Amino acid sequence: MVSANEILQEKVDNDFWEKLERIDKRRIPKYNSKNSNLGLNEEYLLMLKAVEKTFTDNVEVKVGQIVNGTIAKISEKEVVIDFNYKDHIFVEYNGGDFRIIENLKQGDNIDVMITDINESPYQIKGSITELIKISIASKLKDYYKEGVALEAKVRELIPAGFMLDIDIDLITITAFMPNILAGVNRLTKQQAEELRGETINVHLESLQQDRGAYVVSRKKYLKTLIPQEIRKLDRNKTLYKGTVTGSKDFGIFVEFNNCLTGMIHKVNLLDDIKNNISSVKPGETIEFYVKDIIKGNKIILSQVITESLWDKIKVGKILKTKVIDRKPFGVLVELDPETTGLIQNVYLKNDERTFKPGDEVKVKVISVIRDDRKIYLDLA
């Protein structure tokens, strides 16, 4: 029989394991402080201590370390993980971790982060969620770089914006969406209220956390939809509905199809609105047609379907106009209530007129750039 002293002094080598294999291991329960009084042969107890010593002497566990182990037990309050050390890791969890825990079972292999080591009594505490959060942080970094959209649920409205919940890998992270990033245009009170409880798509605005939450933007996501939504528009045929976002003396700005914004020029408004633009308030619903789409995805809307000068203008046409303004680069003139043209300085160098607003001037069309909705003129 091998002596106890020999076993304790033996190095972990092939000879040691050969000696260990000669013992009937079925008769020897795993040693720990709870079964040390089972009346086992002292030599067996020393043997068990020596085996345990081979696993622990050269292993140092510390807070922040990530280890792999097997789930030994799952209770209502904690998960116990065996990682071949002198003690198990105890993972306590709260309601926020439940979705992770309910998907685990005894015998599963799992990674865990050591979060605390108590010396008296000795106990190792760990976290599964902290490890997942590290993985999530890495994913969010990739999502930010690649512009990946995330689903988020609007949980709460606050004065500065919205608090949202984003579910990733069975973990819920908190996100903050400022008011100015909630829509393509600033939302009305009614639109903001309508978002409460809704699931929306957002993009990460920053990887830096503000108010303990990731900053996200619905505006950034909606802007990605603009090109495809513009391609769907039916010009001068379909009657659309939108929400007024603001008004000026010259027209009304409208948001429609979730992400598109257009303007209805004053001359293209119905008479009852045209004569009282200031009465139209943000948030009101208005009907209109899509009249034109020009460079930069600018959308021109109209409540009436009429043919304007812009629809029939051609190079070489002679027109009577009125001066709108004198600019450093030329003279702006009004061709009709919704169409302007420019006489560049090169065509004015031999003319001594001052061109004051309201002056009548005859012009000739020399260029029409429809994508920019620009008309260039010469003096006729």
Protein backbone atom coordinates (compact mmCIF):
# COMPACT_ATOMS: atom_id res chain seq x y z
CA MET A 1 0.00 0.00 0.00
CA VAL A 2 1.26 3.49 -0.83
CA SER A 3 1.84 5.59 2.28
CA ALA A 4 -0.05 8.79 2.88
CA ASN A 5 3.15 10.83 3.11
CA GLU A 6 4.29 9.51 -0.27
CA ILE A 7 1.00 10.53 -1.84
CA LEU A 8 1.07 14.04 -0.42
CA GLN A 9 4.59 14.58 -1.65
CA GLU A 10 4.05 12.99 -5.03
CA LYS A 11 4.16 15.30 -8.08
CA VAL A 12 1.38 15.19 -10.65
CA ASP A 13 2.91 12.77 -13.14
CA ASN A 14 2.00 9.54 -14.86
CA ASP A 15 3.22 7.44 -11.96
CA PHE A 16 0.91 9.31 -9.57
CA TRP A 17 -2.16 8.69 -11.72
CA GLU A 18 -1.25 5.00 -12.12
CA LYS A 19 -1.21 4.66 -8.33
CA LEU A 20 -4.54 6.49 -8.10
CA GLU A 21 -6.16 4.18 -10.67
CA ARG A 22 -5.41 1.14 -8.49
CA ILE A 23 -7.85 2.41 -5.85
CA ASP A 24 -11.52 1.51 -6.16
CA LYS A 25 -12.84 5.07 -6.65
CA ARG A 26 -16.43 3.93 -6.25
CA ARG A 27 -15.73 3.46 -2.51
CA ILE A 28 -14.32 6.97 -2.08
CA PRO A 29 -16.77 9.93 -2.09
CA LYS A 30 -15.48 13.32 -3.20
CA TYR A 31 -13.75 15.02 -0.29
CA ASN A 32 -15.01 18.29 1.12
CA SER A 33 -15.40 19.87 4.54
CA LYS A 34 -18.88 18.33 4.98
CA ASN A 35 -17.83 14.67 4.61
CA SER A 36 -14.51 14.83 6.46
CA ASN A 37 -16.04 12.98 9.45
CA LEU A 38 -17.30 9.94 7.58
CA GLY A 39 -14.81 7.68 9.36
CA LEU A 40 -12.90 6.89 6.20
CA ASN A 41 -9.43 5.42 6.39
CA GLU A 42 -7.02 8.30 7.10
CA GLU A 43 -4.93 7.24 4.15
CA TYR A 44 -7.94 7.59 1.82
CA LEU A 45 -8.69 11.05 3.17
CA LEU A 46 -5.14 12.13 2.57
CA MET A 47 -5.35 10.66 -0.90
CA LEU A 48 -8.46 12.72 -1.62
CA LYS A 49 -6.81 15.87 -0.29
CA ALA A 50 -3.84 15.20 -2.54
CA VAL A 51 -6.11 14.82 -5.59
CA GLU A 52 -7.88 18.05 -4.74
CA LYS A 53 -4.51 19.69 -4.22
CA THR A 54 -3.47 18.87 -7.80
CA PHE A 55 -6.40 20.94 -9.10
CA THR A 56 -6.03 23.92 -6.78
CA ASP A 57 -2.39 24.44 -5.86
CA ASN A 58 -1.45 26.05 -9.13
CA VAL A 59 -4.78 27.81 -9.78
CA GLU A 60 -5.48 31.31 -8.57
CA VAL A 61 -8.99 32.69 -9.03
CA LYS A 62 -9.60 36.41 -8.93
CA VAL A 63 -12.39 38.90 -9.42
CA GLY A 64 -13.03 39.64 -13.09
CA GLN A 65 -11.74 36.25 -14.21
CA ILE A 66 -13.83 34.31 -16.72
CA VAL A 67 -13.99 30.57 -16.14
CA ASN A 68 -15.85 27.65 -17.64
CA GLY A 69 -17.80 25.15 -15.58
CA THR A 70 -20.77 22.82 -15.34
CA ILE A 71 -24.07 23.74 -13.73
CA ALA A 72 -24.33 21.60 -10.60
CA LYS A 73 -27.59 23.01 -9.24
CA ILE A 74 -30.30 25.53 -10.04
CA SER A 75 -32.51 26.84 -7.25
CA GLU A 76 -34.99 29.68 -6.91
CA LYS A 77 -32.25 32.07 -5.80
CA GLU A 78 -29.02 30.95 -7.41
CA VAL A 79 -27.15 28.81 -9.90
CA VAL A 80 -24.27 26.71 -8.56
CA ILE A 81 -21.41 26.08 -10.98
CA ASP A 82 -18.69 23.45 -10.57
CA PHE A 83 -15.43 24.49 -12.23
CA ASN A 84 -13.09 21.87 -10.69
CA TYR A 85 -11.92 24.10 -7.87
CA LYS A 86 -12.04 23.78 -4.12
CA ASP A 87 -15.38 25.53 -4.07
CA HIS A 88 -18.23 26.15 -6.47
CA ILE A 89 -19.25 29.48 -7.96
CA PHE A 90 -22.56 30.78 -6.70
CA VAL A 91 -24.51 32.94 -9.15
CA GLU A 92 -27.35 34.86 -7.53
CA TYR A 93 -29.92 36.34 -9.84
CA ASN A 94 -32.78 38.76 -9.81
CA GLY A 95 -35.79 39.24 -12.05
CA GLY A 96 -33.69 40.87 -14.76
CA ASP A 97 -31.67 37.66 -15.15
CA PHE A 98 -34.62 35.28 -15.14
CA ARG A 99 -34.89 34.93 -18.92
CA ILE A 100 -31.31 33.66 -18.96
CA ILE A 101 -31.69 31.33 -16.01
CA GLU A 102 -34.91 29.74 -17.26
CA ASN A 103 -33.06 28.59 -20.38
CA LEU A 104 -30.39 26.76 -18.38
CA LYS A 105 -30.45 23.26 -16.95
CA GLN A 106 -28.30 21.11 -14.67
CA GLY A 107 -25.28 19.69 -16.49
CA ASP A 108 -25.00 22.58 -18.98
CA ASN A 109 -21.52 23.83 -19.70
CA ILE A 110 -21.31 27.60 -19.23
CA ASP A 111 -18.91 30.54 -18.95
CA VAL A 112 -19.16 32.69 -15.84
CA MET A 113 -17.38 35.79 -14.55
CA ILE A 114 -16.09 35.85 -10.97
CA THR A 115 -17.46 38.98 -9.32
CA ASP A 116 -16.52 38.52 -5.65
CA ILE A 117 -14.48 36.23 -3.37
CA ASN A 118 -15.40 36.15 0.31
CA GLU A 119 -12.72 34.79 2.65
CA SER A 120 -14.78 34.16 5.76
CA PRO A 121 -16.68 32.05 5.14
CA TYR A 122 -14.98 31.25 1.86
CA GLN A 123 -17.35 31.68 -1.08
CA ILE A 124 -16.93 32.55 -4.73
CA LYS A 125 -19.65 34.62 -6.36
CA GLY A 126 -20.13 34.98 -10.09
CA SER A 127 -22.30 36.49 -12.78
CA ILE A 128 -23.57 35.13 -16.05
CA THR A 129 -25.21 38.40 -17.07
CA GLU A 130 -22.05 40.51 -16.70
CA LEU A 131 -20.32 38.22 -19.15
CA ILE A 132 -23.21 38.51 -21.58
CA LYS A 133 -23.12 42.30 -21.21
CA ILE A 134 -19.49 42.30 -22.31
CA SER A 135 -20.50 40.30 -25.37
CA ILE A 136 -23.39 42.70 -26.01
CA ALA A 137 -21.07 45.72 -25.79
CA SER A 138 -18.94 44.14 -28.50
CA LYS A 139 -22.01 43.49 -30.65
CA LEU A 140 -23.25 47.05 -30.22
CA LYS A 141 -19.89 48.34 -31.40
CA ASP A 142 -20.27 46.30 -34.59
CA TYR A 143 -23.90 47.40 -35.01
CA TYR A 144 -22.82 51.04 -34.67
CA LYS A 145 -20.10 50.69 -37.33
CA GLU A 146 -22.34 48.76 -39.75
CA GLY A 147 -25.48 50.87 -39.20
CA VAL A 148 -27.61 47.93 -38.07
CA ALA A 149 -31.13 48.81 -36.93
CA LEU A 150 -32.30 47.63 -33.49
CA GLU A 151 -35.82 47.02 -32.23
CA ALA A 152 -36.66 49.02 -29.12
CA LYS A 153 -39.77 49.39 -27.00
CA VAL A 154 -40.69 52.90 -25.84
CA ARG A 155 -41.04 52.51 -22.09
CA GLU A 156 -41.35 56.05 -20.81
CA LEU A 157 -41.64 59.67 -21.92
CA ILE A 158 -39.47 62.18 -20.08
CA PRO A 159 -39.07 65.94 -20.68
CA ALA A 160 -35.85 65.48 -22.68
CA GLY A 161 -37.03 62.55 -24.76
CA PHE A 162 -37.84 58.85 -24.44
CA MET A 163 -36.53 55.92 -22.40
CA LEU A 164 -36.46 52.65 -24.33
CA ASP A 165 -35.75 48.96 -23.68
CA ILE A 166 -33.70 46.95 -26.16
CA ASP A 167 -33.56 43.15 -25.81
CA ILE A 168 -30.30 41.51 -26.89
CA ASP A 169 -29.27 37.94 -26.03
CA LEU A 170 -31.94 37.70 -23.30
CA ILE A 171 -30.61 40.86 -21.63
CA THR A 172 -32.55 44.15 -21.57
CA ILE A 173 -30.41 47.26 -22.02
CA THR A 174 -31.67 50.79 -21.46
CA ALA A 175 -31.59 53.37 -24.24
CA PHE A 176 -32.29 57.10 -24.31
CA MET A 177 -33.72 58.84 -27.40
CA PRO A 178 -33.63 62.67 -27.32
CA ASN A 179 -36.69 64.51 -28.63
CA ILE A 180 -34.77 65.87 -31.63
CA LEU A 181 -33.85 62.31 -32.71
CA ALA A 182 -37.35 60.82 -32.38
CA GLY A 183 -38.51 61.65 -35.91
CA VAL A 184 -37.45 63.11 -39.23
CA ASN A 185 -39.06 66.32 -37.94
CA ARG A 186 -39.68 67.28 -34.33
CA LEU A 187 -42.66 65.32 -33.05
CA THR A 188 -45.87 66.98 -31.92
CA LYS A 189 -47.17 66.16 -28.45
CA GLN A 190 -49.72 63.80 -29.95
CA GLN A 191 -47.09 61.99 -32.04
CA ALA A 192 -44.87 61.64 -28.97
CA GLU A 193 -47.72 60.16 -26.92
CA GLU A 194 -48.53 57.73 -29.72
CA LEU A 195 -45.03 56.28 -29.43
CA ARG A 196 -45.52 55.26 -25.79
CA GLY A 197 -45.51 51.45 -25.57
CA GLU A 198 -44.70 51.06 -29.27
CA THR A 199 -41.89 48.94 -30.68
CA ILE A 200 -39.79 51.04 -33.07
CA ASN A 201 -36.57 50.71 -35.04
CA VAL A 202 -33.59 52.82 -34.05
CA HIS A 203 -29.91 53.22 -34.82
CA LEU A 204 -27.21 53.76 -32.23
CA GLU A 205 -26.29 57.43 -32.15
CA SER A 206 -23.28 56.96 -29.92
CA LEU A 207 -21.44 54.21 -28.05
CA GLN A 208 -21.02 56.58 -25.12
CA GLN A 209 -23.69 56.17 -22.49
CA ASP A 210 -25.73 59.15 -21.35
CA ARG A 211 -27.98 59.04 -18.28
CA GLY A 212 -26.75 55.45 -17.83
CA ALA A 213 -28.21 54.48 -21.20
CA TYR A 214 -27.13 54.14 -24.82
CA VAL A 215 -28.21 57.08 -26.99
CA VAL A 216 -30.25 56.01 -30.02
CA SER A 217 -31.90 57.72 -32.99
CA ARG A 218 -35.15 56.89 -34.74
CA LYS A 219 -34.46 59.81 -37.07
CA LYS A 220 -31.33 58.11 -38.40
CA TYR A 221 -33.30 54.94 -39.09
CA LEU A 222 -36.17 56.75 -40.81
CA LYS A 223 -33.75 58.56 -43.12
CA THR A 224 -32.55 55.21 -44.45
CA LEU A 225 -36.12 54.56 -45.65
CA ILE A 226 -36.45 57.80 -47.67
CA PRO A 227 -35.03 56.58 -51.03
CA GLN A 228 -37.30 53.53 -51.19
CA GLU A 229 -40.36 55.48 -50.03
CA ILE A 230 -39.76 58.15 -52.68
CA ARG A 231 -39.65 55.48 -55.39
CA LYS A 232 -43.15 54.39 -54.33
CA LEU A 233 -44.71 57.84 -54.75
CA ASP A 234 -47.40 58.31 -57.39
CA ARG A 235 -47.24 61.82 -58.86
CA ASN A 236 -50.44 63.79 -59.47
CA LYS A 237 -52.69 60.73 -59.07
CA THR A 238 -52.81 59.48 -55.50
CA LEU A 239 -54.27 61.64 -52.74
CA TYR A 240 -51.99 61.41 -49.69
CA LYS A 241 -52.52 62.37 -46.06
CA GLY A 242 -49.87 63.96 -43.87
CA THR A 243 -49.21 65.90 -40.69
CA VAL A 244 -48.46 69.62 -40.75
CA THR A 245 -45.04 70.29 -39.18
CA GLY A 246 -44.98 74.08 -39.70
CA SER A 247 -45.96 76.96 -41.97
CA LYS A 248 -44.52 80.13 -43.51
CA ASP A 249 -46.07 82.97 -45.48
CA PHE A 250 -45.18 81.14 -48.70
CA GLY A 251 -46.50 77.68 -47.83
CA ILE A 252 -46.99 74.72 -45.50
CA PHE A 253 -44.52 71.93 -44.56
CA VAL A 254 -45.92 68.41 -44.29
CA GLU A 255 -44.63 65.04 -43.03
CA PHE A 256 -46.10 61.87 -44.55
CA ASN A 257 -45.44 58.14 -45.06
CA ASN A 258 -43.51 58.11 -41.73
CA CYS A 259 -40.28 59.54 -43.13
CA LEU A 260 -41.01 61.95 -45.99
CA THR A 261 -41.28 65.75 -45.81
CA GLY A 262 -42.61 68.07 -48.52
CA MET A 263 -43.87 71.62 -49.00
CA ILE A 264 -47.14 72.90 -50.41
CA HIS A 265 -46.53 76.30 -51.98
CA LYS A 266 -49.14 78.95 -51.22
CA VAL A 267 -50.46 78.97 -54.82
CA ASN A 268 -51.05 75.22 -54.59
CA LEU A 269 -53.21 75.36 -51.46
CA LEU A 270 -56.99 75.18 -51.45
CA ASP A 271 -58.55 78.64 -51.33
CA ASP A 272 -59.85 78.40 -47.74
CA ILE A 273 -56.31 77.56 -46.53
CA LYS A 274 -54.44 79.83 -48.96
CA ASN A 275 -56.11 82.91 -47.55
CA ASN A 276 -55.39 81.97 -43.94
CA ILE A 277 -52.14 80.00 -43.75
CA SER A 278 -51.42 81.13 -40.19
CA SER A 279 -54.49 79.25 -38.98
CA VAL A 280 -52.95 75.92 -39.94
CA LYS A 281 -51.20 74.50 -36.86
CA PRO A 282 -48.53 71.76 -36.44
CA GLY A 283 -50.13 68.37 -35.85
CA GLU A 284 -53.13 68.95 -38.10
CA THR A 285 -53.89 66.43 -40.84
CA ILE A 286 -53.88 67.66 -44.44
CA GLU A 287 -54.51 66.04 -47.84
CA PHE A 288 -52.43 66.65 -50.97
CA TYR A 289 -50.88 65.25 -54.15
CA VAL A 290 -47.19 64.76 -54.93
CA LYS A 291 -46.46 67.27 -57.68
CA ASP A 292 -42.71 66.87 -58.23
CA ILE A 293 -39.50 65.45 -56.77
CA ILE A 294 -36.26 67.30 -57.38
CA LYS A 295 -32.58 66.93 -56.54
CA GLY A 296 -31.79 66.14 -52.91
CA ASN A 297 -35.10 64.30 -52.48
CA LYS A 298 -37.00 67.56 -52.16
CA ILE A 299 -40.71 66.88 -52.59
CA ILE A 300 -43.12 69.47 -53.96
CA LEU A 301 -46.74 68.94 -52.93
CA SER A 302 -50.01 70.41 -54.08
CA GLN A 303 -53.66 70.32 -53.02
CA VAL A 304 -54.78 71.10 -56.56
CA ILE A 305 -53.73 69.50 -59.82
CA THR A 306 -52.91 72.34 -62.19
CA GLU A 307 -50.38 73.00 -64.90
CA SER A 308 -47.87 75.70 -63.95
CA LEU A 309 -45.28 77.54 -66.01
CA TRP A 310 -42.70 75.05 -64.80
CA ASP A 311 -44.58 72.20 -66.46
CA LYS A 312 -44.44 73.76 -69.96
CA ILE A 313 -41.40 76.05 -69.96
CA LYS A 314 -38.88 75.57 -72.79
CA VAL A 315 -35.47 76.98 -73.73
CA GLY A 316 -35.84 80.02 -76.00
CA LYS A 317 -39.21 81.14 -74.58
CA ILE A 318 -39.59 84.92 -74.06
CA LEU A 319 -41.31 85.92 -70.80
CA LYS A 320 -42.30 89.05 -68.90
CA THR A 321 -41.11 88.88 -65.29
CA LYS A 322 -40.80 90.92 -62.09
CA VAL A 323 -37.57 91.42 -60.14
CA ILE A 324 -37.56 89.72 -56.74
CA ASP A 325 -34.09 90.70 -55.56
CA ARG A 326 -30.63 91.82 -56.65
CA LYS A 327 -27.92 89.39 -55.51
CA PRO A 328 -24.10 89.48 -55.83
CA PHE A 329 -24.35 86.70 -58.44
CA GLY A 330 -27.26 88.16 -60.46
CA VAL A 331 -30.95 89.13 -60.48
CA LEU A 332 -33.73 86.84 -59.24
CA VAL A 333 -37.03 87.23 -61.08
CA GLU A 334 -40.51 85.78 -60.62
CA LEU A 335 -41.80 83.81 -63.60
CA ASP A 336 -45.05 82.87 -61.88
CA PRO A 337 -46.12 82.70 -58.19
CA GLU A 338 -44.23 79.42 -57.63
CA THR A 339 -41.39 79.67 -60.17
CA THR A 340 -38.26 81.85 -60.07
CA GLY A 341 -35.40 82.33 -62.50
CA LEU A 342 -31.91 83.83 -62.41
CA ILE A 343 -30.24 86.33 -64.73
CA GLN A 344 -26.53 85.86 -64.07
CA ASN A 345 -24.16 88.82 -63.90
CA VAL A 346 -22.51 87.87 -67.18
CA TYR A 347 -25.77 88.80 -68.97
CA LEU A 348 -26.12 92.09 -67.07
CA LYS A 349 -22.71 93.67 -67.67
CA ASN A 350 -23.88 95.90 -70.54
CA ASP A 351 -27.15 96.94 -68.87
CA GLU A 352 -27.19 100.07 -66.71
CA ARG A 353 -30.45 99.37 -64.93
CA THR A 354 -30.43 98.95 -61.14
CA PHE A 355 -33.05 96.17 -61.12
CA LYS A 356 -35.02 96.98 -57.99
CA PRO A 357 -37.67 94.59 -56.55
CA GLY A 358 -40.90 95.01 -58.48
CA ASP A 359 -39.25 96.19 -61.71
CA GLU A 360 -40.62 94.54 -64.84
CA VAL A 361 -38.07 92.94 -67.14
CA LYS A 362 -38.37 90.85 -70.30
CA VAL A 363 -36.21 87.71 -70.35
CA LYS A 364 -35.31 84.76 -72.54
CA VAL A 365 -34.99 81.21 -71.17
CA ILE A 366 -31.48 79.88 -71.88
CA SER A 367 -31.34 76.81 -69.59
CA VAL A 368 -33.76 74.61 -67.61
CA ILE A 369 -32.26 72.21 -65.05
CA ARG A 370 -35.18 70.11 -63.89
CA ASP A 371 -33.33 68.06 -61.25
CA ASP A 372 -32.48 71.28 -59.41
CA ARG A 373 -35.66 73.06 -60.50
CA LYS A 374 -33.51 75.97 -61.70
CA ILE A 375 -34.12 78.26 -64.70
CA TYR A 376 -31.35 80.48 -66.12
CA LEU A 377 -32.29 83.58 -68.14
CA ASP A 378 -30.86 86.27 -70.40
CA LEU A 379 -32.22 89.74 -71.01
CA ALA A 380 -34.54 89.74 -74.02
